[in-house]
């Protein structure tokens, strides 16, 4: 399998991005690896690949004879844990995740099967009630609960640690290293530091253990395989952190679609699996407020996981934007 001038290459908004794809030897090695891994499954490529280049990934759609296409993904070194994590999740929580066809952990390469319809595709073609988002969040929270005991193992795979007790230090590092913040924004964030420590202490006091946080769970990062049943994938932004930090991205997308009136039901659907062990629903809802704010730290940190040579932008600017979100009030009050 080779590429030529007719190969479709999508660079999106990043026309000047530098990725390994620009290196002919890397391209040849990657496509040869894909061909070999397909052959190991009794498959072969059938047609020209389609390439999507971003500062944080190289994604190649490979048509396959007689079946749906497969997807090759190359991660930068800072997110090369995605392949091993995906393989581990397929063993630990197989009913919830996409199962990779092959993983090369050393090179950050993964080969994925087609997962069916993206939830985003379903949303674009047919009416979808808010209860589907409730089912999504409930299933995801249930999976997080199952993974609580795996936190140390997940970290050993290279997934970044952003544990609740350590989030003030994560904030300090992000703030100190960011070059895109203006003086006013930096001063406001520095003044927020004591409150941030209080939010972390409040979360920790509830006793909900840290676990896997997808950190970017939107409608383009999961497949809807049946009504009310989903398959989660794309773990390149993940961290081991407070589970409630996962709420924000999904809930914001749902509220954009249906309006803020759906928010209470979405919160309840997500929080229900965490009840018990002496924790009340009211306590969990209160904990969702600081978690909503603190979730931006994992999002900010993920923007540093780009290919070497991709440049400081957009990473620094996006990291600054997420840090400044710490100053915004959550769109709900638990009372």
C-alpha atoms as a PDB file:
ATOM      1  CA  UNK A   1       0.000   0.000   0.000  1.00  0.00           C
ATOM      2  CA  UNK A   2       1.443   3.322  -1.104  1.00  0.00           C
ATOM      3  CA  UNK A   3       0.297   6.926  -1.428  1.00  0.00           C
ATOM      4  CA  UNK A   4       0.623   9.284  -4.370  1.00  0.00           C
ATOM      5  CA  UNK A   5      -0.468  12.743  -5.453  1.00  0.00           C
ATOM      6  CA  UNK A   6      -4.097  11.619  -5.592  1.00  0.00           C
ATOM      7  CA  UNK A   7      -4.186  10.664  -1.898  1.00  0.00           C
ATOM      8  CA  UNK A   8      -6.683  12.811   0.013  1.00  0.00           C
ATOM      9  CA  UNK A   9      -4.956  14.612   2.893  1.00  0.00           C
ATOM     10  CA  UNK A  10      -7.120  16.635   5.270  1.00  0.00           C
ATOM     11  CA  UNK A  11      -5.227  19.175   7.380  1.00  0.00           C
ATOM     12  CA  UNK A  12      -8.289  20.987   8.689  1.00  0.00           C
ATOM     13  CA  UNK A  13      -7.400  24.362  10.195  1.00  0.00           C
ATOM     14  CA  UNK A  14      -3.756  23.335  10.547  1.00  0.00           C
ATOM     15  CA  UNK A  15      -2.373  23.853   7.042  1.00  0.00           C
ATOM     16  CA  UNK A  16       1.208  24.237   8.292  1.00  0.00           C
ATOM     17  CA  UNK A  17       1.211  21.506  10.899  1.00  0.00           C
ATOM     18  CA  UNK A  18       4.309  19.305  11.011  1.00  0.00           C
ATOM     19  CA  UNK A  19       3.690  15.608  11.601  1.00  0.00           C
ATOM     20  CA  UNK A  20       5.674  12.432  10.879  1.00  0.00           C
ATOM     21  CA  UNK A  21       3.522  11.960   7.773  1.00  0.00           C
ATOM     22  CA  UNK A  22       5.773  14.450   5.978  1.00  0.00           C
ATOM     23  CA  UNK A  23       8.648  11.945   6.207  1.00  0.00           C
ATOM     24  CA  UNK A  24       8.594   9.478   3.323  1.00  0.00           C
ATOM     25  CA  UNK A  25      10.377   6.773   5.313  1.00  0.00           C
ATOM     26  CA  UNK A  26       7.876   7.104   8.164  1.00  0.00           C
ATOM     27  CA  UNK A  27       4.920   6.896   5.782  1.00  0.00           C
ATOM     28  CA  UNK A  28       6.308   3.789   4.139  1.00  0.00           C
ATOM     29  CA  UNK A  29       7.002   2.099   7.481  1.00  0.00           C
ATOM     30  CA  UNK A  30       3.550   2.955   8.826  1.00  0.00           C
ATOM     31  CA  UNK A  31       1.680   1.717   5.754  1.00  0.00           C
ATOM     32  CA  UNK A  32       3.789  -1.453   5.600  1.00  0.00           C
ATOM     33  CA  UNK A  33       2.911  -2.076   9.270  1.00  0.00           C
ATOM     34  CA  UNK A  34      -0.781  -1.622   8.476  1.00  0.00           C
ATOM     35  CA  UNK A  35      -0.555  -4.056   5.551  1.00  0.00           C
ATOM     36  CA  UNK A  36       1.213  -6.646   7.700  1.00  0.00           C
ATOM     37  CA  UNK A  37      -1.272  -6.325  10.546  1.00  0.00           C
ATOM     38  CA  UNK A  38      -4.180  -6.638   8.107  1.00  0.00           C
ATOM     39  CA  UNK A  39      -2.625  -9.755   6.624  1.00  0.00           C
ATOM     40  CA  UNK A  40      -2.331 -11.244  10.109  1.00  0.00           C
ATOM     41  CA  UNK A  41      -6.133 -10.937  10.316  1.00  0.00           C
ATOM     42  CA  UNK A  42      -6.642 -12.374   6.833  1.00  0.00           C
ATOM     43  CA  UNK A  43      -7.432  -8.952   5.377  1.00  0.00           C
ATOM     44  CA  UNK A  44      -5.980  -6.707   2.678  1.00  0.00           C
ATOM     45  CA  UNK A  45      -6.249  -3.056   1.737  1.00  0.00           C
ATOM     46  CA  UNK A  46      -8.472  -2.249  -1.228  1.00  0.00           C
ATOM     47  CA  UNK A  47      -8.195   1.290  -2.499  1.00  0.00           C
ATOM     48  CA  UNK A  48      -6.500   4.562  -1.681  1.00  0.00           C
ATOM     49  CA  UNK A  49      -6.155   5.626   1.954  1.00  0.00           C
ATOM     50  CA  UNK A  50      -7.582   8.901   3.248  1.00  0.00           C
ATOM     51  CA  UNK A  51      -5.370  10.879   5.611  1.00  0.00           C
ATOM     52  CA  UNK A  52      -6.294  13.300   8.411  1.00  0.00           C
ATOM     53  CA  UNK A  53      -3.416  15.288   9.913  1.00  0.00           C
ATOM     54  CA  UNK A  54      -3.635  17.234  13.151  1.00  0.00           C
ATOM     55  CA  UNK A  55      -0.953  18.464  15.587  1.00  0.00           C
ATOM     56  CA  UNK A  56      -1.979  15.653  17.950  1.00  0.00           C
ATOM     57  CA  UNK A  57      -2.484  12.690  15.580  1.00  0.00           C
ATOM     58  CA  UNK A  58      -2.091  11.127  12.179  1.00  0.00           C
ATOM     59  CA  UNK A  59      -5.272   9.263  11.255  1.00  0.00           C
ATOM     60  CA  UNK A  60      -5.545   7.141   8.105  1.00  0.00           C
ATOM     61  CA  UNK A  61      -8.705   5.496   6.823  1.00  0.00           C
ATOM     62  CA  UNK A  62      -7.774   2.307   4.976  1.00  0.00           C
ATOM     63  CA  UNK A  63     -10.407   0.650   2.743  1.00  0.00           C
ATOM     64  CA  UNK A  64     -10.480  -3.112   3.160  1.00  0.00           C
ATOM     65  CA  UNK A  65     -11.687  -5.694   0.675  1.00  0.00           C
ATOM     66  CA  UNK A  66     -15.054  -7.149   1.590  1.00  0.00           C
ATOM     67  CA  UNK A  67     -15.639  -5.342   4.863  1.00  0.00           C
ATOM     68  CA  UNK A  68     -15.732  -1.865   6.480  1.00  0.00           C
ATOM     69  CA  UNK A  69     -12.564   0.234   6.449  1.00  0.00           C
ATOM     70  CA  UNK A  70     -10.036   0.171   9.261  1.00  0.00           C
ATOM     71  CA  UNK A  71      -8.287   3.121  10.879  1.00  0.00           C
ATOM     72  CA  UNK A  72      -4.611   3.631  11.574  1.00  0.00           C
ATOM     73  CA  UNK A  73      -3.736   6.164  14.261  1.00  0.00           C
ATOM     74  CA  UNK A  74      -0.311   7.506  15.201  1.00  0.00           C
ATOM     75  CA  UNK A  75       0.020   9.408  18.474  1.00  0.00           C
ATOM     76  CA  UNK A  76       2.777  11.791  19.554  1.00  0.00           C
ATOM     77  CA  UNK A  77       5.104  10.495  22.294  1.00  0.00           C
ATOM     78  CA  UNK A  78       3.132  12.296  25.007  1.00  0.00           C
ATOM     79  CA  UNK A  79      -0.051  10.378  24.145  1.00  0.00           C
ATOM     80  CA  UNK A  80       1.487   7.130  22.902  1.00  0.00           C
ATOM     81  CA  UNK A  81      -0.258   5.446  25.836  1.00  0.00           C
ATOM     82  CA  UNK A  82      -3.515   5.449  23.835  1.00  0.00           C
ATOM     83  CA  UNK A  83      -2.865   2.147  22.067  1.00  0.00           C
ATOM     84  CA  UNK A  84      -1.851   0.191  25.188  1.00  0.00           C
ATOM     85  CA  UNK A  85      -4.708   1.781  27.143  1.00  0.00           C
ATOM     86  CA  UNK A  86      -7.224   0.855  24.451  1.00  0.00           C
ATOM     87  CA  UNK A  87      -5.962  -2.735  24.454  1.00  0.00           C
ATOM     88  CA  UNK A  88      -6.144  -2.908  28.251  1.00  0.00           C
ATOM     89  CA  UNK A  89      -9.676  -1.512  28.310  1.00  0.00           C
ATOM     90  CA  UNK A  90     -10.708  -4.145  25.771  1.00  0.00           C
ATOM     91  CA  UNK A  91      -9.646  -6.741  28.345  1.00  0.00           C
ATOM     92  CA  UNK A  92     -11.036  -5.008  31.428  1.00  0.00           C
ATOM     93  CA  UNK A  93     -14.334  -3.540  30.187  1.00  0.00           C
ATOM     94  CA  UNK A  94     -14.847  -5.211  26.792  1.00  0.00           C
ATOM     95  CA  UNK A  95     -18.537  -4.360  26.517  1.00  0.00           C
ATOM     96  CA  UNK A  96     -17.862  -0.608  26.627  1.00  0.00           C
ATOM     97  CA  UNK A  97     -14.919   0.073  24.300  1.00  0.00           C
ATOM     98  CA  UNK A  98     -13.522  -0.366  20.796  1.00  0.00           C
ATOM     99  CA  UNK A  99     -11.152  -3.341  20.509  1.00  0.00           C
ATOM    100  CA  UNK A 100      -7.932  -2.604  18.576  1.00  0.00           C
ATOM    101  CA  UNK A 101      -6.746  -4.938  15.819  1.00  0.00           C
ATOM    102  CA  UNK A 102      -3.089  -4.224  16.583  1.00  0.00           C
ATOM    103  CA  UNK A 103      -0.936  -1.980  18.771  1.00  0.00           C
ATOM    104  CA  UNK A 104       2.717  -0.953  18.463  1.00  0.00           C
ATOM    105  CA  UNK A 105       3.292   0.698  21.826  1.00  0.00           C
ATOM    106  CA  UNK A 106       6.882   1.734  21.104  1.00  0.00           C
ATOM    107  CA  UNK A 107       5.894   3.732  18.028  1.00  0.00           C
ATOM    108  CA  UNK A 108       2.512   4.943  19.266  1.00  0.00           C
ATOM    109  CA  UNK A 109       0.658   3.173  16.459  1.00  0.00           C
ATOM    110  CA  UNK A 110      -2.758   1.538  16.680  1.00  0.00           C
ATOM    111  CA  UNK A 111      -4.983  -0.155  14.117  1.00  0.00           C
ATOM    112  CA  UNK A 112      -8.699   0.053  14.855  1.00  0.00           C
ATOM    113  CA  UNK A 113     -11.686  -1.657  13.291  1.00  0.00           C
ATOM    114  CA  UNK A 114     -14.693   0.298  12.143  1.00  0.00           C
ATOM    115  CA  UNK A 115     -16.955   0.908  15.133  1.00  0.00           C
ATOM    116  CA  UNK A 116     -20.216   1.549  13.291  1.00  0.00           C
ATOM    117  CA  UNK A 117     -22.132   4.805  13.464  1.00  0.00           C
ATOM    118  CA  UNK A 118     -20.644   7.708  15.356  1.00  0.00           C
ATOM    119  CA  UNK A 119     -23.164   9.182  17.755  1.00  0.00           C
ATOM    120  CA  UNK A 120     -22.621  12.453  15.878  1.00  0.00           C
ATOM    121  CA  UNK A 121     -23.740  10.752  12.658  1.00  0.00           C
ATOM    122  CA  UNK A 122     -26.864   9.404  14.345  1.00  0.00           C
ATOM    123  CA  UNK A 123     -27.662  12.865  15.703  1.00  0.00           C
ATOM    124  CA  UNK A 124     -27.384  14.307  12.216  1.00  0.00           C
ATOM    125  CA  UNK A 125     -29.757  11.882  10.530  1.00  0.00           C
ATOM    126  CA  UNK A 126     -32.583  11.172  12.982  1.00  0.00           C
ATOM    127  CA  UNK A 127     -34.373  12.608  16.010  1.00  0.00           C
ATOM    128  CA  UNK A 128     -32.598  11.642  19.247  1.00  0.00           C
ATOM    129  CA  UNK A 129     -34.193  12.284  22.616  1.00  0.00           C
ATOM    130  CA  UNK A 130     -32.206  13.557  25.632  1.00  0.00           C
ATOM    131  CA  UNK A 131     -32.668  10.173  27.301  1.00  0.00           C
ATOM    132  CA  UNK A 132     -30.039   8.795  24.915  1.00  0.00           C
ATOM    133  CA  UNK A 133     -27.528  11.211  26.450  1.00  0.00           C
ATOM    134  CA  UNK A 134     -28.677  10.117  29.882  1.00  0.00           C
ATOM    135  CA  UNK A 135     -28.011   6.489  28.913  1.00  0.00           C
ATOM    136  CA  UNK A 136     -24.613   7.499  27.530  1.00  0.00           C
ATOM    137  CA  UNK A 137     -23.582   9.172  30.778  1.00  0.00           C
ATOM    138  CA  UNK A 138     -24.937   6.378  32.951  1.00  0.00           C
ATOM    139  CA  UNK A 139     -23.053   3.737  30.948  1.00  0.00           C
ATOM    140  CA  UNK A 140     -19.854   5.775  31.006  1.00  0.00           C
ATOM    141  CA  UNK A 141     -20.049   6.346  34.773  1.00  0.00           C
ATOM    142  CA  UNK A 142     -20.680   2.628  35.307  1.00  0.00           C
ATOM    143  CA  UNK A 143     -17.539   1.872  33.303  1.00  0.00           C
ATOM    144  CA  UNK A 144     -15.551   4.374  35.384  1.00  0.00           C
ATOM    145  CA  UNK A 145     -16.763   2.614  38.530  1.00  0.00           C
ATOM    146  CA  UNK A 146     -15.503  -0.706  37.176  1.00  0.00           C
ATOM    147  CA  UNK A 147     -12.092   0.864  36.503  1.00  0.00           C
ATOM    148  CA  UNK A 148     -11.558   2.378  39.970  1.00  0.00           C
ATOM    149  CA  UNK A 149      -9.446  -0.592  41.066  1.00  0.00           C
ATOM    150  CA  UNK A 150      -7.319  -0.256  37.901  1.00  0.00           C
ATOM    151  CA  UNK A 151      -6.066   3.276  38.552  1.00  0.00           C
ATOM    152  CA  UNK A 152      -2.471   2.324  39.299  1.00  0.00           C
ATOM    153  CA  UNK A 153      -2.373  -0.065  36.339  1.00  0.00           C
ATOM    154  CA  UNK A 154      -3.696   2.656  34.056  1.00  0.00           C
ATOM    155  CA  UNK A 155      -0.952   5.019  35.219  1.00  0.00           C
ATOM    156  CA  UNK A 156       1.678   2.349  34.567  1.00  0.00           C
ATOM    157  CA  UNK A 157       0.528   2.323  30.933  1.00  0.00           C
ATOM    158  CA  UNK A 158       1.712   5.926  30.722  1.00  0.00           C
ATOM    159  CA  UNK A 159      -1.630   7.658  31.188  1.00  0.00           C
ATOM    160  CA  UNK A 160      -0.973  11.003  32.912  1.00  0.00           C
ATOM    161  CA  UNK A 161      -1.860  11.282  36.587  1.00  0.00           C
ATOM    162  CA  UNK A 162      -4.035  14.253  37.504  1.00  0.00           C
ATOM    163  CA  UNK A 163      -5.323  12.878  40.796  1.00  0.00           C
ATOM    164  CA  UNK A 164      -7.603  15.056  42.866  1.00  0.00           C
ATOM    165  CA  UNK A 165      -4.995  15.700  45.559  1.00  0.00           C
ATOM    166  CA  UNK A 166      -2.453  16.749  42.910  1.00  0.00           C
ATOM    167  CA  UNK A 167      -4.604  19.092  40.832  1.00  0.00           C
ATOM    168  CA  UNK A 168      -3.222  22.258  42.504  1.00  0.00           C
ATOM    169  CA  UNK A 169       0.253  21.184  41.394  1.00  0.00           C
ATOM    170  CA  UNK A 170      -1.062  20.455  37.896  1.00  0.00           C
ATOM    171  CA  UNK A 171      -2.513  23.962  37.830  1.00  0.00           C
ATOM    172  CA  UNK A 172       0.777  25.492  38.992  1.00  0.00           C
ATOM    173  CA  UNK A 173       2.725  23.703  36.276  1.00  0.00           C
ATOM    174  CA  UNK A 174       0.301  24.669  33.520  1.00  0.00           C
ATOM    175  CA  UNK A 175       0.206  28.291  34.624  1.00  0.00           C
ATOM    176  CA  UNK A 176       3.972  28.595  34.929  1.00  0.00           C
ATOM    177  CA  UNK A 177       4.605  26.985  31.541  1.00  0.00           C
ATOM    178  CA  UNK A 178       2.016  28.824  29.466  1.00  0.00           C
ATOM    179  CA  UNK A 179       3.274  31.541  27.116  1.00  0.00           C
ATOM    180  CA  UNK A 180      -0.060  32.705  25.714  1.00  0.00           C
ATOM    181  CA  UNK A 181      -1.693  34.155  28.834  1.00  0.00           C
ATOM    182  CA  UNK A 182      -1.834  37.920  29.070  1.00  0.00           C
ATOM    183  CA  UNK A 183      -0.841  39.734  32.287  1.00  0.00           C
ATOM    184  CA  UNK A 184      -4.448  40.272  33.384  1.00  0.00           C
ATOM    185  CA  UNK A 185      -5.474  36.669  32.839  1.00  0.00           C
ATOM    186  CA  UNK A 186      -2.382  35.376  34.590  1.00  0.00           C
ATOM    187  CA  UNK A 187      -2.979  37.637  37.584  1.00  0.00           C
ATOM    188  CA  UNK A 188      -6.602  36.537  37.883  1.00  0.00           C
ATOM    189  CA  UNK A 189      -5.618  32.873  37.761  1.00  0.00           C
ATOM    190  CA  UNK A 190      -2.892  33.368  40.357  1.00  0.00           C
ATOM    191  CA  UNK A 191      -5.498  34.965  42.614  1.00  0.00           C
ATOM    192  CA  UNK A 192      -7.747  31.952  42.128  1.00  0.00           C
ATOM    193  CA  UNK A 193      -5.174  29.491  43.461  1.00  0.00           C
ATOM    194  CA  UNK A 194      -6.478  29.375  47.090  1.00  0.00           C
ATOM    195  CA  UNK A 195     -10.023  28.687  45.916  1.00  0.00           C
ATOM    196  CA  UNK A 196      -8.777  25.983  43.579  1.00  0.00           C
ATOM    197  CA  UNK A 197      -7.120  24.220  46.501  1.00  0.00           C
ATOM    198  CA  UNK A 198     -10.424  24.438  48.383  1.00  0.00           C
ATOM    199  CA  UNK A 199     -12.308  22.855  45.470  1.00  0.00           C
ATOM    200  CA  UNK A 200      -9.836  19.975  45.414  1.00  0.00           C
ATOM    201  CA  UNK A 201     -10.183  19.459  49.159  1.00  0.00           C
ATOM    202  CA  UNK A 202     -13.973  19.520  48.841  1.00  0.00           C
ATOM    203  CA  UNK A 203     -13.886  16.869  46.138  1.00  0.00           C
ATOM    204  CA  UNK A 204     -11.430  14.682  48.019  1.00  0.00           C
ATOM    205  CA  UNK A 205     -13.534  14.823  51.183  1.00  0.00           C
ATOM    206  CA  UNK A 206     -16.434  13.078  49.450  1.00  0.00           C
ATOM    207  CA  UNK A 207     -14.365   9.913  49.113  1.00  0.00           C
ATOM    208  CA  UNK A 208     -15.146   9.177  45.460  1.00  0.00           C
ATOM    209  CA  UNK A 209     -11.934   7.548  44.206  1.00  0.00           C
ATOM    210  CA  UNK A 210      -9.955   8.705  41.193  1.00  0.00           C
ATOM    211  CA  UNK A 211     -10.315   6.659  38.022  1.00  0.00           C
ATOM    212  CA  UNK A 212     -10.071   7.010  34.257  1.00  0.00           C
ATOM    213  CA  UNK A 213     -11.207  10.373  32.864  1.00  0.00           C
ATOM    214  CA  UNK A 214     -11.675  10.440  29.088  1.00  0.00           C
ATOM    215  CA  UNK A 215     -11.443  14.261  29.291  1.00  0.00           C
ATOM    216  CA  UNK A 216     -13.029  14.876  25.865  1.00  0.00           C
ATOM    217  CA  UNK A 217     -16.131  12.689  25.681  1.00  0.00           C
ATOM    218  CA  UNK A 218     -18.222  14.350  22.992  1.00  0.00           C
ATOM    219  CA  UNK A 219     -20.521  12.964  20.295  1.00  0.00           C
ATOM    220  CA  UNK A 220     -17.625  12.386  17.893  1.00  0.00           C
ATOM    221  CA  UNK A 221     -15.730  10.196  20.360  1.00  0.00           C
ATOM    222  CA  UNK A 222     -18.208   7.360  20.734  1.00  0.00           C
ATOM    223  CA  UNK A 223     -20.249   5.001  18.596  1.00  0.00           C
ATOM    224  CA  UNK A 224     -23.971   4.392  19.116  1.00  0.00           C
ATOM    225  CA  UNK A 225     -24.221   0.660  18.484  1.00  0.00           C
ATOM    226  CA  UNK A 226     -27.874   0.366  19.532  1.00  0.00           C
ATOM    227  CA  UNK A 227     -30.452   2.524  21.251  1.00  0.00           C
ATOM    228  CA  UNK A 228     -29.060   3.405  24.658  1.00  0.00           C
ATOM    229  CA  UNK A 229     -25.777   1.483  24.131  1.00  0.00           C
ATOM    230  CA  UNK A 230     -22.445   3.089  23.262  1.00  0.00           C
ATOM    231  CA  UNK A 231     -18.842   2.220  22.470  1.00  0.00           C
ATOM    232  CA  UNK A 232     -16.197   4.629  23.773  1.00  0.00           C
ATOM    233  CA  UNK A 233     -12.901   5.335  22.012  1.00  0.00           C
ATOM    234  CA  UNK A 234     -10.211   7.981  21.393  1.00  0.00           C
ATOM    235  CA  UNK A 235      -8.348   8.074  24.719  1.00  0.00           C
ATOM    236  CA  UNK A 236      -5.483  10.385  23.723  1.00  0.00           C
ATOM    237  CA  UNK A 237      -6.614  13.137  26.139  1.00  0.00           C
ATOM    238  CA  UNK A 238      -7.221  10.765  29.045  1.00  0.00           C
ATOM    239  CA  UNK A 239      -5.927  11.082  32.598  1.00  0.00           C
ATOM    240  CA  UNK A 240      -6.339   9.370  35.945  1.00  0.00           C
ATOM    241  CA  UNK A 241      -8.322  11.972  37.827  1.00  0.00           C
ATOM    242  CA  UNK A 242     -11.565  12.603  39.645  1.00  0.00           C
ATOM    243  CA  UNK A 243     -14.288  10.833  37.647  1.00  0.00           C
ATOM    244  CA  UNK A 244     -16.704  13.756  37.789  1.00  0.00           C
ATOM    245  CA  UNK A 245     -14.285  15.779  35.658  1.00  0.00           C
ATOM    246  CA  UNK A 246     -15.636  13.786  32.717  1.00  0.00           C
ATOM    247  CA  UNK A 247     -19.058  15.392  32.967  1.00  0.00           C
ATOM    248  CA  UNK A 248     -18.435  18.768  31.451  1.00  0.00           C
ATOM    249  CA  UNK A 249     -17.722  18.116  27.776  1.00  0.00           C
ATOM    250  CA  UNK A 250     -20.618  15.702  27.296  1.00  0.00           C
ATOM    251  CA  UNK A 251     -23.130  17.788  29.210  1.00  0.00           C
ATOM    252  CA  UNK A 252     -22.162  20.988  27.391  1.00  0.00           C
ATOM    253  CA  UNK A 253     -22.729  19.309  24.017  1.00  0.00           C
ATOM    254  CA  UNK A 254     -26.131  18.014  25.100  1.00  0.00           C
ATOM    255  CA  UNK A 255     -27.174  21.420  26.463  1.00  0.00           C
ATOM    256  CA  UNK A 256     -26.119  23.082  23.215  1.00  0.00           C
ATOM    257  CA  UNK A 257     -28.512  20.739  21.442  1.00  0.00           C
ATOM    258  CA  UNK A 258     -31.510  20.667  23.773  1.00  0.00           C
ATOM    259  CA  UNK A 259     -31.094  23.688  26.021  1.00  0.00           C
ATOM    260  CA  UNK A 260     -30.117  23.971  29.696  1.00  0.00           C
ATOM    261  CA  UNK A 261     -33.344  22.342  30.883  1.00  0.00           C
ATOM    262  CA  UNK A 262     -31.848  18.891  30.287  1.00  0.00           C
ATOM    263  CA  UNK A 263     -28.920  19.499  32.628  1.00  0.00           C
ATOM    264  CA  UNK A 264     -30.465  18.207  35.912  1.00  0.00           C
ATOM    265  CA  UNK A 265     -31.478  14.897  34.332  1.00  0.00           C
ATOM    266  CA  UNK A 266     -28.052  14.459  32.764  1.00  0.00           C
ATOM    267  CA  UNK A 267     -26.352  15.074  36.095  1.00  0.00           C
ATOM    268  CA  UNK A 268     -28.591  12.587  37.859  1.00  0.00           C
ATOM    269  CA  UNK A 269     -28.013   9.931  35.184  1.00  0.00           C
ATOM    270  CA  UNK A 270     -24.256  10.279  35.508  1.00  0.00           C
ATOM    271  CA  UNK A 271     -24.180  10.453  39.303  1.00  0.00           C
ATOM    272  CA  UNK A 272     -26.522   7.530  40.009  1.00  0.00           C
ATOM    273  CA  UNK A 273     -23.806   4.817  39.729  1.00  0.00           C
ATOM    274  CA  UNK A 274     -21.755   6.690  42.352  1.00  0.00           C
ATOM    275  CA  UNK A 275     -24.434   6.618  45.046  1.00  0.00           C
ATOM    276  CA  UNK A 276     -24.013   4.315  48.022  1.00  0.00           C
ATOM    277  CA  UNK A 277     -21.112   3.914  50.433  1.00  0.00           C
ATOM    278  CA  UNK A 278     -22.756   6.546  52.603  1.00  0.00           C
ATOM    279  CA  UNK A 279     -22.862   9.169  49.843  1.00  0.00           C
ATOM    280  CA  UNK A 280     -26.161  10.903  49.199  1.00  0.00           C
ATOM    281  CA  UNK A 281     -27.420  12.214  45.879  1.00  0.00           C
ATOM    282  CA  UNK A 282     -27.282  15.767  47.268  1.00  0.00           C
ATOM    283  CA  UNK A 283     -23.620  15.374  48.228  1.00  0.00           C
ATOM    284  CA  UNK A 284     -22.782  14.064  44.777  1.00  0.00           C
ATOM    285  CA  UNK A 285     -24.550  16.969  43.094  1.00  0.00           C
ATOM    286  CA  UNK A 286     -22.588  19.423  45.246  1.00  0.00           C
ATOM    287  CA  UNK A 287     -19.350  17.689  44.281  1.00  0.00           C
ATOM    288  CA  UNK A 288     -20.214  18.081  40.600  1.00  0.00           C
ATOM    289  CA  UNK A 289     -19.743  21.862  40.898  1.00  0.00           C
ATOM    290  CA  UNK A 290     -16.020  21.944  41.737  1.00  0.00           C
ATOM    291  CA  UNK A 291     -15.416  18.988  39.410  1.00  0.00           C
ATOM    292  CA  UNK A 292     -16.990  20.977  36.568  1.00  0.00           C
ATOM    293  CA  UNK A 293     -14.452  23.742  37.105  1.00  0.00           C
ATOM    294  CA  UNK A 294     -11.459  21.463  37.688  1.00  0.00           C
ATOM    295  CA  UNK A 295     -12.178  19.425  34.565  1.00  0.00           C
ATOM    296  CA  UNK A 296     -10.527  22.135  32.495  1.00  0.00           C
ATOM    297  CA  UNK A 297      -7.118  21.195  33.890  1.00  0.00           C
ATOM    298  CA  UNK A 298      -7.036  17.869  32.036  1.00  0.00           C
ATOM    299  CA  UNK A 299      -8.290  19.613  28.900  1.00  0.00           C
ATOM    300  CA  UNK A 300      -5.572  22.255  29.222  1.00  0.00           C
ATOM    301  CA  UNK A 301      -2.854  19.666  29.815  1.00  0.00           C
ATOM    302  CA  UNK A 302      -3.927  17.612  26.783  1.00  0.00           C
ATOM    303  CA  UNK A 303      -3.039  20.489  24.455  1.00  0.00           C
ATOM    304  CA  UNK A 304       0.616  19.885  25.280  1.00  0.00           C
ATOM    305  CA  UNK A 305       0.475  16.415  23.692  1.00  0.00           C
ATOM    306  CA  UNK A 306       1.429  17.351  20.164  1.00  0.00           C
ATOM    307  CA  UNK A 307       4.014  16.081  17.732  1.00  0.00           C
ATOM    308  CA  UNK A 308       7.519  17.490  18.236  1.00  0.00           C
ATOM    309  CA  UNK A 309       7.961  20.272  15.707  1.00  0.00           C
ATOM    310  CA  UNK A 310       4.232  21.078  15.564  1.00  0.00           C
ATOM    311  CA  UNK A 311       5.020  24.455  17.140  1.00  0.00           C
ATOM    312  CA  UNK A 312       3.828  26.267  20.245  1.00  0.00           C
ATOM    313  CA  UNK A 313       0.484  27.112  18.653  1.00  0.00           C
ATOM    314  CA  UNK A 314      -2.268  26.115  18.912  1.00  0.00           C
ATOM    315  CA  UNK A 315      -1.272  24.319  22.109  1.00  0.00           C
ATOM    316  CA  UNK A 316      -0.353  27.350  24.210  1.00  0.00           C
ATOM    317  CA  UNK A 317      -3.379  29.379  23.116  1.00  0.00           C
ATOM    318  CA  UNK A 318      -5.813  26.521  23.721  1.00  0.00           C
ATOM    319  CA  UNK A 319      -4.244  25.737  27.089  1.00  0.00           C
ATOM    320  CA  UNK A 320      -4.670  29.388  28.079  1.00  0.00           C
ATOM    321  CA  UNK A 321      -8.296  29.352  26.971  1.00  0.00           C
ATOM    322  CA  UNK A 322      -9.071  26.322  29.119  1.00  0.00           C
ATOM    323  CA  UNK A 323      -7.246  27.726  32.141  1.00  0.00           C
ATOM    324  CA  UNK A 324      -9.304  30.893  31.937  1.00  0.00           C
ATOM    325  CA  UNK A 325     -12.447  28.746  32.062  1.00  0.00           C
ATOM    326  CA  UNK A 326     -11.601  28.180  35.736  1.00  0.00           C
ATOM    327  CA  UNK A 327     -12.897  31.688  36.346  1.00  0.00           C
ATOM    328  CA  UNK A 328     -16.378  30.921  34.971  1.00  0.00           C
ATOM    329  CA  UNK A 329     -19.215  29.808  37.235  1.00  0.00           C
ATOM    330  CA  UNK A 330     -20.745  26.372  36.517  1.00  0.00           C
ATOM    331  CA  UNK A 331     -24.139  26.545  34.771  1.00  0.00           C
ATOM    332  CA  UNK A 332     -25.850  24.936  37.776  1.00  0.00           C
ATOM    333  CA  UNK A 333     -25.988  25.263  41.526  1.00  0.00           C
ATOM    334  CA  UNK A 334     -26.553  22.204  43.695  1.00  0.00           C
ATOM    335  CA  UNK A 335     -27.977  24.282  46.534  1.00  0.00           C
END
